[in-house]
Amino acid sequence: PEYPWSRLMWYLAVPKHRPAWMRIDRLLGEHGIRRDNEAGRAEL
């Protein structure tokens, strides 16, 4: 996430810090991560 042009940092951020149009649930689901919470983002 330290690479400045990567959007992985947004996947790992809390929802209020992401762009309104961005959704990460599909990618989390493909990784088998069920919830967009602290534990789920830490697993990603």
All heavy atoms as atom14 arrays in JSON, in Angstrom:
{
  "sequence": "PEYPWSRLMWYLAVPKHRPAWMRIDRLLGEHGIRRDNEAGRAEL",
  "atom14_mask": [
    [1, 1, 1, 1, 1, 1, 1, 0, 0, 0, 0, 0, 0, 0],
    [1, 1, 1, 1, 1, 1, 1, 1, 1, 0, 0, 0, 0, 0],
    [1, 1, 1, 1, 1, 1, 1, 1, 1, 1, 1, 1, 0, 0],
    [1, 1, 1, 1, 1, 1, 1, 0, 0, 0, 0, 0, 0, 0],
    [1, 1, 1, 1, 1, 1, 1, 1, 1, 1, 1, 1, 1, 1],
    [1, 1, 1, 1, 1, 1, 0, 0, 0, 0, 0, 0, 0, 0],
    [1, 1, 1, 1, 1, 1, 1, 1, 1, 1, 1, 0, 0, 0],
    [1, 1, 1, 1, 1, 1, 1, 1, 0, 0, 0, 0, 0, 0],
    [1, 1, 1, 1, 1, 1, 1, 1, 0, 0, 0, 0, 0, 0],
    [1, 1, 1, 1, 1, 1, 1, 1, 1, 1, 1, 1, 1, 1],
    [1, 1, 1, 1, 1, 1, 1, 1, 1, 1, 1, 1, 0, 0],
    [1, 1, 1, 1, 1, 1, 1, 1, 0, 0, 0, 0, 0, 0],
    [1, 1, 1, 1, 1, 0, 0, 0, 0, 0, 0, 0, 0, 0],
    [1, 1, 1, 1, 1, 1, 1, 0, 0, 0, 0, 0, 0, 0],
    [1, 1, 1, 1, 1, 1, 1, 0, 0, 0, 0, 0, 0, 0],
    [1, 1, 1, 1, 1, 1, 1, 1, 1, 0, 0, 0, 0, 0],
    [1, 1, 1, 1, 1, 1, 1, 1, 1, 1, 0, 0, 0, 0],
    [1, 1, 1, 1, 1, 1, 1, 1, 1, 1, 1, 0, 0, 0],
    [1, 1, 1, 1, 1, 1, 1, 0, 0, 0, 0, 0, 0, 0],
    [1, 1, 1, 1, 1, 0, 0, 0, 0, 0, 0, 0, 0, 0],
    [1, 1, 1, 1, 1, 1, 1, 1, 1, 1, 1, 1, 1, 1],
    [1, 1, 1, 1, 1, 1, 1, 1, 0, 0, 0, 0, 0, 0],
    [1, 1, 1, 1, 1, 1, 1, 1, 1, 1, 1, 0, 0, 0],
    [1, 1, 1, 1, 1, 1, 1, 1, 0, 0, 0, 0, 0, 0],
    [1, 1, 1, 1, 1, 1, 1, 1, 0, 0, 0, 0, 0, 0],
    [1, 1, 1, 1, 1, 1, 1, 1, 1, 1, 1, 0, 0, 0],
    [1, 1, 1, 1, 1, 1, 1, 1, 0, 0, 0, 0, 0, 0],
    [1, 1, 1, 1, 1, 1, 1, 1, 0, 0, 0, 0, 0, 0],
    [1, 1, 1, 1, 0, 0, 0, 0, 0, 0, 0, 0, 0, 0],
    [1, 1, 1, 1, 1, 1, 1, 1, 1, 0, 0, 0, 0, 0],
    [1, 1, 1, 1, 1, 1, 1, 1, 1, 1, 0, 0, 0, 0],
    [1, 1, 1, 1, 0, 0, 0, 0, 0, 0, 0, 0, 0, 0],
    [1, 1, 1, 1, 1, 1, 1, 1, 0, 0, 0, 0, 0, 0],
    [1, 1, 1, 1, 1, 1, 1, 1, 1, 1, 1, 0, 0, 0],
    [1, 1, 1, 1, 1, 1, 1, 1, 1, 1, 1, 0, 0, 0],
    [1, 1, 1, 1, 1, 1, 1, 1, 0, 0, 0, 0, 0, 0],
    [1, 1, 1, 1, 1, 1, 1, 1, 0, 0, 0, 0, 0, 0],
    [1, 1, 1, 1, 1, 1, 1, 1, 1, 0, 0, 0, 0, 0],
    [1, 1, 1, 1, 1, 0, 0, 0, 0, 0, 0, 0, 0, 0],
    [1, 1, 1, 1, 0, 0, 0, 0, 0, 0, 0, 0, 0, 0],
    [1, 1, 1, 1, 1, 1, 1, 1, 1, 1, 1, 0, 0, 0],
    [1, 1, 1, 1, 1, 0, 0, 0, 0, 0, 0, 0, 0, 0],
    [1, 1, 1, 1, 1, 1, 1, 1, 1, 0, 0, 0, 0, 0],
    [1, 1, 1, 1, 1, 1, 1, 1, 0, 0, 0, 0, 0, 0]
  ],
  "atom14_positions": [
    [[0.81, -1.23, 0.0], [0.0, 0.0, 0.0], [0.84, 1.28, 0.0], [0.29, 2.36, -0.23], [-0.81, -0.1, 1.3], [-0.77, -1.55, 1.67], [0.55, -2.05, 1.18], [0.0, 0.0, 0.0], [0.0, 0.0, 0.0], [0.0, 0.0, 0.0], [0.0, 0.0, 0.0], [0.0, 0.0, 0.0], [0.0, 0.0, 0.0], [0.0, 0.0, 0.0]],
    [[2.13, 1.17, 0.24], [2.98, 2.36, 0.27], [3.29, 2.89, -1.12], [3.74, 4.03, -1.26], [4.28, 2.07, 1.02], [4.08, 1.79, 2.5], [5.4, 1.55, 3.22], [6.3, 2.39, 3.08], [5.53, 0.52, 3.9], [0.0, 0.0, 0.0], [0.0, 0.0, 0.0], [0.0, 0.0, 0.0], [0.0, 0.0, 0.0], [0.0, 0.0, 0.0]],
    [[3.06, 2.07, -2.15], [3.27, 2.57, -3.51], [2.19, 3.63, -3.78], [1.0, 3.35, -3.7], [3.16, 1.43, -4.53], [3.39, 1.88, -5.95], [4.62, 2.38, -6.34], [2.37, 1.79, -6.89], [4.82, 2.8, -7.65], [2.57, 2.2, -8.2], [3.81, 2.71, -8.56], [4.01, 3.12, -9.85], [0.0, 0.0, 0.0], [0.0, 0.0, 0.0]],
    [[2.59, 4.87, -4.11], [1.61, 5.98, -4.14], [0.54, 5.86, -5.21], [-0.53, 6.47, -5.08], [2.5, 7.21, -4.38], [3.75, 6.68, -5.0], [3.96, 5.33, -4.39], [0.0, 0.0, 0.0], [0.0, 0.0, 0.0], [0.0, 0.0, 0.0], [0.0, 0.0, 0.0], [0.0, 0.0, 0.0], [0.0, 0.0, 0.0], [0.0, 0.0, 0.0]],
    [[0.8, 5.12, -6.29], [-0.19, 5.06, -7.37], [-1.04, 3.79, -7.31], [-1.82, 3.54, -8.21], [0.52, 5.14, -8.73], [1.4, 6.33, -8.83], [2.76, 6.35, -8.93], [1.01, 7.7, -8.8], [3.24, 7.62, -8.97], [2.19, 8.49, -8.89], [-0.22, 8.36, -8.69], [2.17, 9.88, -8.88], [-0.24, 9.74, -8.67], [0.94, 10.47, -8.78]],
    [[-0.88, 3.0, -6.26], [-1.69, 1.81, -6.1], [-2.99, 2.14, -5.39], [-3.01, 2.98, -4.49], [-0.92, 0.75, -5.3], [-1.77, -0.36, -5.01], [0.0, 0.0, 0.0], [0.0, 0.0, 0.0], [0.0, 0.0, 0.0], [0.0, 0.0, 0.0], [0.0, 0.0, 0.0], [0.0, 0.0, 0.0], [0.0, 0.0, 0.0], [0.0, 0.0, 0.0]],
    [[-4.06, 1.45, -5.76], [-5.33, 1.64, -5.09], [-5.58, 0.56, -4.05], [-6.67, 0.48, -3.48], [-6.47, 1.7, -6.12], [-6.42, 2.96, -6.98], [-6.52, 4.21, -6.11], [-6.21, 5.43, -6.84], [-5.06, 6.07, -6.79], [-4.06, 5.59, -6.04], [-4.86, 7.18, -7.46], [0.0, 0.0, 0.0], [0.0, 0.0, 0.0], [0.0, 0.0, 0.0]],
    [[-4.58, -0.26, -3.81], [-4.72, -1.25, -2.75], [-4.94, -0.56, -1.41], [-5.65, -1.09, -0.54], [-3.47, -2.14, -2.69], [-3.47, -3.23, -1.61], [-4.65, -4.18, -1.81], [-2.16, -4.0, -1.62], [0.0, 0.0, 0.0], [0.0, 0.0, 0.0], [0.0, 0.0, 0.0], [0.0, 0.0, 0.0], [0.0, 0.0, 0.0], [0.0, 0.0, 0.0]],
    [[-4.38, 0.62, -1.25], [-4.55, 1.37, 0.01], [-6.03, 1.65, 0.28], [-6.47, 1.67, 1.43], [-3.77, 2.69, -0.05], [-4.27, 3.66, -1.09], [-3.32, 5.21, -1.14], [-1.84, 4.66, -1.97], [0.0, 0.0, 0.0], [0.0, 0.0, 0.0], [0.0, 0.0, 0.0], [0.0, 0.0, 0.0], [0.0, 0.0, 0.0], [0.0, 0.0, 0.0]],
    [[-6.83, 1.84, -0.8], [-8.25, 2.09, -0.62], [-8.99, 0.81, -0.21], [-9.96, 0.85, 0.53], [-8.86, 2.66, -1.89], [-8.49, 4.1, -2.12], [-7.84, 4.92, -1.26], [-8.75, 4.86, -3.29], [-7.67, 6.16, -1.82], [-8.23, 6.16, -3.07], [-9.35, 4.59, -4.51], [-8.31, 7.18, -4.01], [-9.43, 5.6, -5.46], [-8.92, 6.88, -5.2]],
    [[-8.52, -0.32, -0.74], [-9.13, -1.6, -0.35], [-8.91, -1.87, 1.14], [-9.72, -2.54, 1.78], [-8.53, -2.74, -1.17], [-9.1, -2.86, -2.56], [-8.58, -2.1, -3.61], [-10.15, -3.73, -2.82], [-9.1, -2.21, -4.89], [-10.68, -3.84, -4.1], [-10.15, -3.08, -5.12], [-10.67, -3.18, -6.38], [0.0, 0.0, 0.0], [0.0, 0.0, 0.0]],
    [[-7.81, -1.37, 1.67], [-7.46, -1.63, 3.06], [-7.95, -0.53, 3.99], [-7.78, -0.62, 5.21], [-5.94, -1.78, 3.2], [-5.31, -2.88, 2.34], [-3.8, -2.9, 2.53], [-5.92, -4.24, 2.64], [0.0, 0.0, 0.0], [0.0, 0.0, 0.0], [0.0, 0.0, 0.0], [0.0, 0.0, 0.0], [0.0, 0.0, 0.0], [0.0, 0.0, 0.0]],
    [[-8.56, 0.52, 3.44], [-9.03, 1.64, 4.25], [-10.46, 1.39, 4.74], [-11.2, 0.58, 4.16], [-8.98, 2.93, 3.44], [0.0, 0.0, 0.0], [0.0, 0.0, 0.0], [0.0, 0.0, 0.0], [0.0, 0.0, 0.0], [0.0, 0.0, 0.0], [0.0, 0.0, 0.0], [0.0, 0.0, 0.0], [0.0, 0.0, 0.0], [0.0, 0.0, 0.0]],
    [[-10.85, 2.1, 5.78], [-12.23, 2.01, 6.25], [-13.14, 2.65, 5.2], [-12.71, 3.53, 4.45], [-12.4, 2.7, 7.62], [-11.58, 1.99, 8.68], [-11.99, 4.16, 7.54], [0.0, 0.0, 0.0], [0.0, 0.0, 0.0], [0.0, 0.0, 0.0], [0.0, 0.0, 0.0], [0.0, 0.0, 0.0], [0.0, 0.0, 0.0], [0.0, 0.0, 0.0]],
    [[-14.39, 2.24, 5.12], [-15.29, 2.71, 4.06], [-15.37, 4.22, 3.92], [-15.43, 4.74, 2.81], [-16.64, 2.11, 4.45], [-16.29, 0.86, 5.18], [-15.03, 1.18, 5.94], [0.0, 0.0, 0.0], [0.0, 0.0, 0.0], [0.0, 0.0, 0.0], [0.0, 0.0, 0.0], [0.0, 0.0, 0.0], [0.0, 0.0, 0.0], [0.0, 0.0, 0.0]],
    [[-15.36, 4.97, 5.02], [-15.52, 6.42, 4.92], [-14.32, 7.11, 4.27], [-14.43, 8.26, 3.84], [-15.77, 7.01, 6.3], [-14.59, 6.92, 7.26], [-14.94, 7.56, 8.59], [-13.74, 7.53, 9.57], [-14.09, 8.17, 10.87], [0.0, 0.0, 0.0], [0.0, 0.0, 0.0], [0.0, 0.0, 0.0], [0.0, 0.0, 0.0], [0.0, 0.0, 0.0]],
    [[-13.21, 6.43, 4.16], [-12.01, 7.0, 3.53], [-11.85, 6.57, 2.07], [-10.87, 6.92, 1.44], [-10.76, 6.61, 4.32], [-10.68, 7.26, 5.66], [-9.94, 6.75, 6.7], [-11.29, 8.38, 6.15], [-10.06, 7.54, 7.77], [-10.88, 8.52, 7.45], [0.0, 0.0, 0.0], [0.0, 0.0, 0.0], [0.0, 0.0, 0.0], [0.0, 0.0, 0.0]],
    [[-12.81, 5.82, 1.55], [-12.77, 5.4, 0.15], [-13.66, 6.3, -0.69], [-14.59, 6.91, -0.18], [-13.3, 3.97, 0.01], [-12.49, 2.91, 0.67], [-13.04, 1.53, 0.26], [-12.75, 0.58, 1.32], [-13.66, -0.16, 1.93], [-14.93, -0.06, 1.58], [-13.3, -1.0, 2.88], [0.0, 0.0, 0.0], [0.0, 0.0, 0.0], [0.0, 0.0, 0.0]],
    [[-13.42, 6.35, -2.01], [-14.35, 7.06, -2.9], [-15.74, 6.45, -2.81], [-15.88, 5.24, -2.62], [-13.74, 6.84, -4.3], [-12.3, 6.55, -4.04], [-12.25, 5.81, -2.74], [0.0, 0.0, 0.0], [0.0, 0.0, 0.0], [0.0, 0.0, 0.0], [0.0, 0.0, 0.0], [0.0, 0.0, 0.0], [0.0, 0.0, 0.0], [0.0, 0.0, 0.0]],
    [[-16.74, 7.25, -2.95], [-18.12, 6.78, -2.79], [-18.49, 5.72, -3.81], [-19.32, 4.84, -3.54], [-19.08, 7.97, -2.89], [0.0, 0.0, 0.0], [0.0, 0.0, 0.0], [0.0, 0.0, 0.0], [0.0, 0.0, 0.0], [0.0, 0.0, 0.0], [0.0, 0.0, 0.0], [0.0, 0.0, 0.0], [0.0, 0.0, 0.0], [0.0, 0.0, 0.0]],
    [[-17.88, 5.79, -5.01], [-18.24, 4.85, -6.08], [-17.54, 3.5, -5.95], [-17.87, 2.55, -6.67], [-17.9, 5.45, -7.44], [-16.49, 6.0, -7.54], [-16.13, 7.3, -7.37], [-15.29, 5.28, -7.78], [-14.76, 7.44, -7.51], [-14.22, 6.21, -7.76], [-14.99, 3.94, -8.01], [-12.9, 5.86, -7.96], [-13.67, 3.58, -8.21], [-12.64, 4.52, -8.19]],
    [[-16.56, 3.41, -5.08], [-15.73, 2.2, -5.02], [-16.38, 1.13, -4.15], [-16.84, 1.4, -3.05], [-14.35, 2.55, -4.47], [-13.37, 1.4, -4.52], [-11.72, 1.95, -4.0], [-10.81, 0.43, -4.24], [0.0, 0.0, 0.0], [0.0, 0.0, 0.0], [0.0, 0.0, 0.0], [0.0, 0.0, 0.0], [0.0, 0.0, 0.0], [0.0, 0.0, 0.0]],
    [[-16.4, -0.1, -4.67], [-16.9, -1.23, -3.9], [-15.82, -2.32, -3.9], [-15.17, -2.57, -4.92], [-18.2, -1.79, -4.48], [-18.16, -2.14, -5.94], [-19.48, -2.72, -6.42], [-19.75, -4.01, -5.82], [-20.78, -4.79, -6.21], [-21.6, -4.39, -7.16], [-20.97, -5.95, -5.63], [0.0, 0.0, 0.0], [0.0, 0.0, 0.0], [0.0, 0.0, 0.0]],
    [[-15.64, -2.95, -2.75], [-14.58, -3.95, -2.63], [-15.12, -5.33, -2.26], [-14.36, -6.28, -2.14], [-13.52, -3.52, -1.59], [-14.08, -3.64, -0.18], [-13.03, -2.11, -1.86], [-13.03, -3.51, 0.89], [0.0, 0.0, 0.0], [0.0, 0.0, 0.0], [0.0, 0.0, 0.0], [0.0, 0.0, 0.0], [0.0, 0.0, 0.0], [0.0, 0.0, 0.0]],
    [[-16.44, -5.42, -2.11], [-17.02, -6.67, -1.64], [-16.79, -7.83, -2.6], [-16.6, -8.98, -2.17], [-18.53, -6.5, -1.39], [-19.26, -5.96, -2.6], [-18.87, -4.9, -3.11], [-20.23, -6.62, -3.05], [0.0, 0.0, 0.0], [0.0, 0.0, 0.0], [0.0, 0.0, 0.0], [0.0, 0.0, 0.0], [0.0, 0.0, 0.0], [0.0, 0.0, 0.0]],
    [[-16.77, -7.55, -3.91], [-16.59, -8.64, -4.88], [-15.19, -9.23, -4.8], [-15.01, -10.45, -4.85], [-16.89, -8.14, -6.29], [-18.35, -7.78, -6.51], [-18.61, -7.27, -7.89], [-18.44, -8.3, -8.89], [-18.54, -8.08, -10.2], [-18.82, -6.86, -10.65], [-18.39, -9.05, -11.06], [0.0, 0.0, 0.0], [0.0, 0.0, 0.0], [0.0, 0.0, 0.0]],
    [[-14.18, -8.35, -4.67], [-12.82, -8.86, -4.55], [-12.62, -9.59, -3.23], [-11.99, -10.66, -3.19], [-11.8, -7.72, -4.67], [-10.34, -8.14, -4.55], [-9.98, -9.16, -5.61], [-9.42, -6.94, -4.63], [0.0, 0.0, 0.0], [0.0, 0.0, 0.0], [0.0, 0.0, 0.0], [0.0, 0.0, 0.0], [0.0, 0.0, 0.0], [0.0, 0.0, 0.0]],
    [[-13.17, -9.05, -2.15], [-13.08, -9.73, -0.87], [-13.73, -11.11, -0.96], [-13.2, -12.1, -0.45], [-13.75, -8.9, 0.23], [-13.07, -7.61, 0.66], [-13.89, -6.9, 1.73], [-11.66, -7.85, 1.16], [0.0, 0.0, 0.0], [0.0, 0.0, 0.0], [0.0, 0.0, 0.0], [0.0, 0.0, 0.0], [0.0, 0.0, 0.0], [0.0, 0.0, 0.0]],
    [[-14.88, -11.17, -1.62], [-15.59, -12.44, -1.77], [-14.77, -13.46, -2.54], [-14.77, -14.66, -2.21], [0.0, 0.0, 0.0], [0.0, 0.0, 0.0], [0.0, 0.0, 0.0], [0.0, 0.0, 0.0], [0.0, 0.0, 0.0], [0.0, 0.0, 0.0], [0.0, 0.0, 0.0], [0.0, 0.0, 0.0], [0.0, 0.0, 0.0], [0.0, 0.0, 0.0]],
    [[-14.06, -13.02, -3.58], [-13.24, -13.94, -4.36], [-12.06, -14.45, -3.55], [-11.5, -15.5, -3.84], [-12.77, -13.27, -5.65], [-13.9, -12.88, -6.58], [-13.79, -13.51, -7.95], [-12.82, -14.23, -8.2], [-14.71, -13.28, -8.76], [0.0, 0.0, 0.0], [0.0, 0.0, 0.0], [0.0, 0.0, 0.0], [0.0, 0.0, 0.0], [0.0, 0.0, 0.0]],
    [[-11.66, -13.69, -2.54], [-10.61, -14.13, -1.63], [-11.18, -14.98, -0.48], [-10.42, -15.44, 0.37], [-9.87, -12.93, -1.04], [-8.74, -12.45, -1.9], [-7.48, -13.0, -1.85], [-8.68, -11.47, -2.84], [-6.68, -12.39, -2.7], [-7.38, -11.46, -3.33], [0.0, 0.0, 0.0], [0.0, 0.0, 0.0], [0.0, 0.0, 0.0], [0.0, 0.0, 0.0]],
    [[-12.49, -15.13, -0.46], [-13.11, -15.89, 0.62], [-13.27, -15.1, 1.9], [-13.5, -15.67, 2.97], [0.0, 0.0, 0.0], [0.0, 0.0, 0.0], [0.0, 0.0, 0.0], [0.0, 0.0, 0.0], [0.0, 0.0, 0.0], [0.0, 0.0, 0.0], [0.0, 0.0, 0.0], [0.0, 0.0, 0.0], [0.0, 0.0, 0.0], [0.0, 0.0, 0.0]],
    [[-13.17, -13.77, 1.8], [-13.33, -12.9, 2.96], [-14.76, -12.39, 2.97], [-15.2, -11.72, 2.03], [-12.33, -11.72, 2.9], [-10.9, -12.27, 2.87], [-12.53, -10.78, 4.08], [-9.84, -11.21, 2.61], [0.0, 0.0, 0.0], [0.0, 0.0, 0.0], [0.0, 0.0, 0.0], [0.0, 0.0, 0.0], [0.0, 0.0, 0.0], [0.0, 0.0, 0.0]],
    [[-15.51, -12.69, 4.02], [-16.94, -12.45, 4.01], [-17.34, -11.03, 4.38], [-18.37, -10.53, 3.93], [-17.64, -13.43, 4.97], [-17.49, -14.89, 4.55], [-18.26, -15.81, 5.48], [-18.17, -17.2, 5.06], [-18.77, -18.2, 5.68], [-19.51, -17.95, 6.76], [-18.64, -19.44, 5.24], [0.0, 0.0, 0.0], [0.0, 0.0, 0.0], [0.0, 0.0, 0.0]],
    [[-16.53, -10.35, 5.19], [-16.95, -9.04, 5.68], [-15.91, -7.96, 5.43], [-14.71, -8.21, 5.52], [-17.26, -9.11, 7.17], [-18.45, -9.98, 7.51], [-18.78, -9.9, 9.0], [-19.93, -10.71, 9.34], [-20.43, -10.82, 10.57], [-19.86, -10.16, 11.58], [-21.49, -11.57, 10.8], [0.0, 0.0, 0.0], [0.0, 0.0, 0.0], [0.0, 0.0, 0.0]],
    [[-16.41, -6.78, 5.13], [-15.56, -5.61, 4.96], [-15.38, -4.95, 6.33], [-15.93, -3.89, 6.61], [-16.2, -4.64, 3.96], [-15.38, -3.36, 3.78], [-14.22, -3.32, 4.24], [-15.93, -2.39, 3.21], [0.0, 0.0, 0.0], [0.0, 0.0, 0.0], [0.0, 0.0, 0.0], [0.0, 0.0, 0.0], [0.0, 0.0, 0.0], [0.0, 0.0, 0.0]],
    [[-14.63, -5.63, 7.19], [-14.36, -5.07, 8.51], [-12.85, -5.09, 8.75], [-12.07, -5.46, 7.85], [-15.1, -5.85, 9.6], [-14.78, -7.34, 9.56], [-13.77, -7.76, 9.0], [-15.65, -8.15, 10.16], [0.0, 0.0, 0.0], [0.0, 0.0, 0.0], [0.0, 0.0, 0.0], [0.0, 0.0, 0.0], [0.0, 0.0, 0.0], [0.0, 0.0, 0.0]],
    [[-12.43, -4.73, 9.93], [-11.0, -4.64, 10.22], [-10.29, -5.99, 10.02], [-9.21, -6.05, 9.43], [-10.78, -4.14, 11.65], [-9.31, -3.93, 12.01], [-9.13, -3.36, 13.4], [-10.14, -3.04, 14.05], [-7.96, -3.23, 13.82], [0.0, 0.0, 0.0], [0.0, 0.0, 0.0], [0.0, 0.0, 0.0], [0.0, 0.0, 0.0], [0.0, 0.0, 0.0]],
    [[-10.93, -7.04, 10.49], [-10.33, -8.37, 10.35], [-10.25, -8.79, 8.88], [-9.24, -9.36, 8.44], [-11.15, -9.39, 11.15], [0.0, 0.0, 0.0], [0.0, 0.0, 0.0], [0.0, 0.0, 0.0], [0.0, 0.0, 0.0], [0.0, 0.0, 0.0], [0.0, 0.0, 0.0], [0.0, 0.0, 0.0], [0.0, 0.0, 0.0], [0.0, 0.0, 0.0]],
    [[-11.31, -8.5, 8.12], [-11.32, -8.86, 6.7], [-10.27, -8.12, 5.92], [-9.56, -8.7, 5.08], [0.0, 0.0, 0.0], [0.0, 0.0, 0.0], [0.0, 0.0, 0.0], [0.0, 0.0, 0.0], [0.0, 0.0, 0.0], [0.0, 0.0, 0.0], [0.0, 0.0, 0.0], [0.0, 0.0, 0.0], [0.0, 0.0, 0.0], [0.0, 0.0, 0.0]],
    [[-10.14, -6.82, 6.17], [-9.14, -6.02, 5.45], [-7.72, -6.43, 5.85], [-6.81, -6.45, 5.02], [-9.38, -4.54, 5.71], [-10.69, -4.02, 5.15], [-10.8, -2.52, 5.25], [-10.89, -2.06, 6.64], [-12.02, -1.93, 7.31], [-13.18, -2.26, 6.75], [-12.04, -1.49, 8.57], [0.0, 0.0, 0.0], [0.0, 0.0, 0.0], [0.0, 0.0, 0.0]],
    [[-7.53, -6.79, 7.11], [-6.22, -7.25, 7.56], [-5.84, -8.57, 6.88], [-4.68, -8.8, 6.53], [-6.22, -7.42, 9.08], [0.0, 0.0, 0.0], [0.0, 0.0, 0.0], [0.0, 0.0, 0.0], [0.0, 0.0, 0.0], [0.0, 0.0, 0.0], [0.0, 0.0, 0.0], [0.0, 0.0, 0.0], [0.0, 0.0, 0.0], [0.0, 0.0, 0.0]],
    [[-6.83, -9.43, 6.66], [-6.58, -10.69, 5.97], [-6.19, -10.46, 4.52], [-5.28, -11.12, 3.99], [-7.82, -11.58, 6.06], [-7.73, -12.9, 5.31], [-6.63, -13.82, 5.83], [-6.12, -13.59, 6.95], [-6.29, -14.78, 5.1], [0.0, 0.0, 0.0], [0.0, 0.0, 0.0], [0.0, 0.0, 0.0], [0.0, 0.0, 0.0], [0.0, 0.0, 0.0]],
    [[-6.87, -9.52, 3.86], [-6.51, -9.19, 2.48], [-5.08, -8.65, 2.42], [-4.29, -9.04, 1.54], [-7.48, -8.16, 1.91], [-7.17, -7.66, 0.48], [-7.26, -8.81, -0.52], [-8.12, -6.54, 0.08], [0.0, 0.0, 0.0], [0.0, 0.0, 0.0], [0.0, 0.0, 0.0], [0.0, 0.0, 0.0], [0.0, 0.0, 0.0], [0.0, 0.0, 0.0]]
  ]
}
